[in-house]
Protein backbone atom coordinates (compact mmCIF):
# COMPACT_ATOMS: atom_id res chain seq x y z
CA UNK A 1 22.56 12.05 -56.84
CA UNK A 2 24.76 14.80 -56.17
CA UNK A 3 26.60 15.32 -52.84
CA UNK A 4 24.96 18.91 -52.18
CA UNK A 5 21.67 16.72 -52.43
CA UNK A 6 23.18 14.52 -50.27
CA UNK A 7 24.19 16.97 -47.60
CA UNK A 8 20.85 18.92 -47.38
CA UNK A 9 18.92 15.81 -47.06
CA UNK A 10 21.22 14.64 -44.33
CA UNK A 11 20.70 17.93 -42.52
CA UNK A 12 17.01 17.60 -43.21
CA UNK A 13 16.93 14.35 -41.54
CA UNK A 14 18.89 15.15 -38.51
CA UNK A 15 16.75 18.47 -37.96
CA UNK A 16 13.65 15.91 -37.96
CA UNK A 17 15.05 13.78 -35.44
CA UNK A 18 15.64 16.25 -33.26
CA UNK A 19 12.73 17.83 -33.50
CA UNK A 20 10.63 14.59 -32.81
CA UNK A 21 13.47 13.72 -29.75
CA UNK A 22 13.29 16.72 -28.06
CA UNK A 23 8.96 16.56 -27.67
CA UNK A 24 9.93 15.52 -24.45
CA UNK A 25 6.57 13.24 -24.22
CA UNK A 26 4.25 16.02 -24.99
CA UNK A 27 2.29 13.71 -27.19
CA UNK A 28 2.02 11.25 -24.44
CA UNK A 29 -1.41 10.71 -23.28
CA UNK A 30 -2.15 11.82 -19.33
CA UNK A 31 -0.46 10.17 -16.88
CA UNK A 32 -1.76 7.95 -14.38
CA UNK A 33 -1.43 10.85 -11.28
CA UNK A 34 -5.26 11.98 -11.99
CA UNK A 35 -6.31 8.44 -12.15
CA UNK A 36 -4.76 7.99 -8.71
CA UNK A 37 -6.09 10.91 -6.83
CA UNK A 38 -9.64 10.11 -8.15
CA UNK A 39 -9.04 6.40 -6.66
CA UNK A 40 -7.40 8.03 -3.15
CA UNK A 41 -11.04 10.24 -3.16
CA UNK A 42 -12.94 7.14 -3.45
CA UNK A 43 -11.00 5.56 -0.54
CA UNK A 44 -11.33 8.57 1.95
CA UNK A 45 -14.31 6.86 3.49
CA UNK A 46 -11.88 4.49 4.52
CA UNK A 47 -10.42 4.72 7.73
CA UNK A 48 -7.32 2.23 7.00
CA UNK A 49 -5.87 4.73 4.67
CA UNK A 50 -5.77 7.52 7.18
CA UNK A 51 -4.90 5.11 9.57
CA UNK A 52 -1.63 4.13 7.62
CA UNK A 53 -1.01 7.21 6.52
CA UNK A 54 -0.84 8.45 10.63
CA UNK A 55 1.33 5.63 11.64
CA UNK A 56 3.59 5.72 8.63
CA UNK A 57 4.40 9.65 9.54
CA UNK A 58 5.15 8.42 13.12
CA UNK A 59 7.30 5.59 12.79
CA UNK A 60 9.89 6.27 10.20
CA UNK A 61 11.47 2.80 10.53
CA UNK A 62 8.64 1.14 8.60
CA UNK A 63 8.89 0.18 4.93
CA UNK A 64 5.38 -1.13 4.58
CA UNK A 65 2.16 -1.34 6.01
CA UNK A 66 -1.49 -2.72 5.51
CA UNK A 67 -4.35 -2.59 7.45
CA UNK A 68 -8.25 -3.74 7.50
CA UNK A 69 -10.78 -3.00 9.96
CA UNK A 70 -14.10 -3.72 10.91
CA UNK A 71 -16.89 -1.94 13.59
CA UNK A 72 -14.40 -2.92 16.59
CA UNK A 73 -10.94 -4.15 15.57
CA UNK A 74 -7.94 -2.84 13.29
CA UNK A 75 -5.73 -5.29 11.81
CA UNK A 76 -2.21 -4.34 10.82
CA UNK A 77 0.62 -5.70 9.56
CA UNK A 78 3.62 -3.87 9.29
CA UNK A 79 7.12 -4.46 7.30
CA UNK A 80 10.30 -2.74 8.64
CA UNK A 81 13.27 -1.33 6.91
CA UNK A 82 15.97 -4.04 6.90
CA UNK A 83 18.33 -2.31 9.53
CA UNK A 84 15.48 -2.06 11.77
CA UNK A 85 14.53 -5.91 11.33
CA UNK A 86 16.42 -6.53 15.01
CA UNK A 87 13.53 -4.43 16.78
CA UNK A 88 10.83 -5.27 14.56
CA UNK A 89 8.58 -6.56 17.52
CA UNK A 90 9.04 -3.67 19.49
CA UNK A 91 8.28 -1.46 16.54
CA UNK A 92 5.30 -3.28 16.51
CA UNK A 93 4.35 -3.04 19.80
CA UNK A 94 4.93 0.31 19.89
CA UNK A 95 2.78 0.84 16.64
CA UNK A 96 -0.04 -0.69 18.64
CA UNK A 97 0.38 0.92 21.51
CA UNK A 98 -0.02 4.15 19.50
CA UNK A 99 -3.06 2.75 17.63
CA UNK A 100 -4.90 1.36 20.88
CA UNK A 101 -4.37 5.64 22.67
CA UNK A 102 -5.70 6.84 19.47
CA UNK A 103 -8.30 4.72 19.11
CA UNK A 104 -9.38 3.61 22.20
CA UNK A 105 -12.69 2.14 21.33
CA UNK A 106 -11.67 -0.30 19.10
CA UNK A 107 -9.44 -3.72 19.56
CA UNK A 108 -6.09 -3.18 17.88
CA UNK A 109 -3.76 -5.71 16.84
CA UNK A 110 -0.86 -5.38 15.17
CA UNK A 111 1.88 -8.16 13.67
CA UNK A 112 5.20 -7.98 12.17
CA UNK A 113 4.66 -11.09 10.57
CA UNK A 114 4.93 -11.22 6.90
CA UNK A 115 2.14 -14.27 6.64
CA UNK A 116 -0.12 -11.88 8.31
CA UNK A 117 1.01 -9.20 6.09
CA UNK A 118 0.13 -11.21 2.87
CA UNK A 119 -3.23 -12.77 4.34
CA UNK A 120 -4.75 -9.07 4.66
CA UNK A 121 -3.66 -8.10 1.51
CA UNK A 122 -5.22 -10.94 -0.06
CA UNK A 123 -8.50 -10.32 1.80
CA UNK A 124 -8.39 -6.76 0.99
CA UNK A 125 -7.77 -7.75 -2.91
CA UNK A 126 -11.09 -10.57 -2.38
CA UNK A 127 -13.00 -7.66 -1.15
CA UNK A 128 -12.01 -5.29 -3.68
CA UNK A 129 -12.97 -7.65 -6.07
CA UNK A 130 -16.47 -8.28 -4.50
CA UNK A 131 -16.03 -12.14 -4.87
CA UNK A 132 -16.57 -12.64 -1.01
CA UNK A 133 -19.94 -12.32 1.11
CA UNK A 134 -20.11 -10.60 4.44
CA UNK A 135 -20.13 -13.59 6.31
CA UNK A 136 -16.89 -15.04 4.26
CA UNK A 137 -15.29 -11.66 4.71
CA UNK A 138 -16.15 -11.97 8.75
CA UNK A 139 -14.46 -15.31 8.72
CA UNK A 140 -11.68 -14.38 7.18
CA UNK A 141 -10.77 -11.34 9.02
CA UNK A 142 -11.59 -13.72 12.34
CA UNK A 143 -9.31 -15.91 11.21
CA UNK A 144 -6.33 -13.43 10.17
CA UNK A 145 -7.20 -12.22 14.14
CA UNK A 146 -6.91 -15.79 15.31
CA UNK A 147 -3.88 -15.87 13.47
CA UNK A 148 -1.98 -12.73 15.39
CA UNK A 149 -3.46 -13.22 18.63
CA UNK A 150 -3.87 -17.41 18.84
CA UNK A 151 -6.15 -18.65 21.16
CA UNK A 152 -4.26 -19.56 24.93
CA UNK A 153 -4.77 -23.61 25.57
CA UNK A 154 -4.99 -22.53 29.42
CA UNK A 155 -7.00 -24.66 31.56
CA UNK A 156 -9.26 -22.43 34.04
């Protein structure tokens, strides 16, 4: 091959690489934002997402929230940001007071304990998988509630 042909092939190759590299993911499939909004719509009937969003808006020191509710109770677990961990229990008490005022017809239990956080998430996952019966869900819910507020052993 002559040097002129090599030169033109190199220029053509670079031009093709430039075009392919500058597509800016236009040929990629749609992102999951559309799917995510559809999922959020299906959860609108659950108050848990609305409760979590309102608490997150009011309490900036909260890093993660998970909650589950039934007809009479709201169980919530919070995780605070690292610099706020010294006041973690105070934040949990403030969240509980806010929710008790907002949802006065329900019993509210808020915990900053990570074990409670994990247990609520496990129960939510099992409910989403539909692997539990209604009685099993109620038993798991009540066991988490007992973990948050253990029964006192005081005799009357």
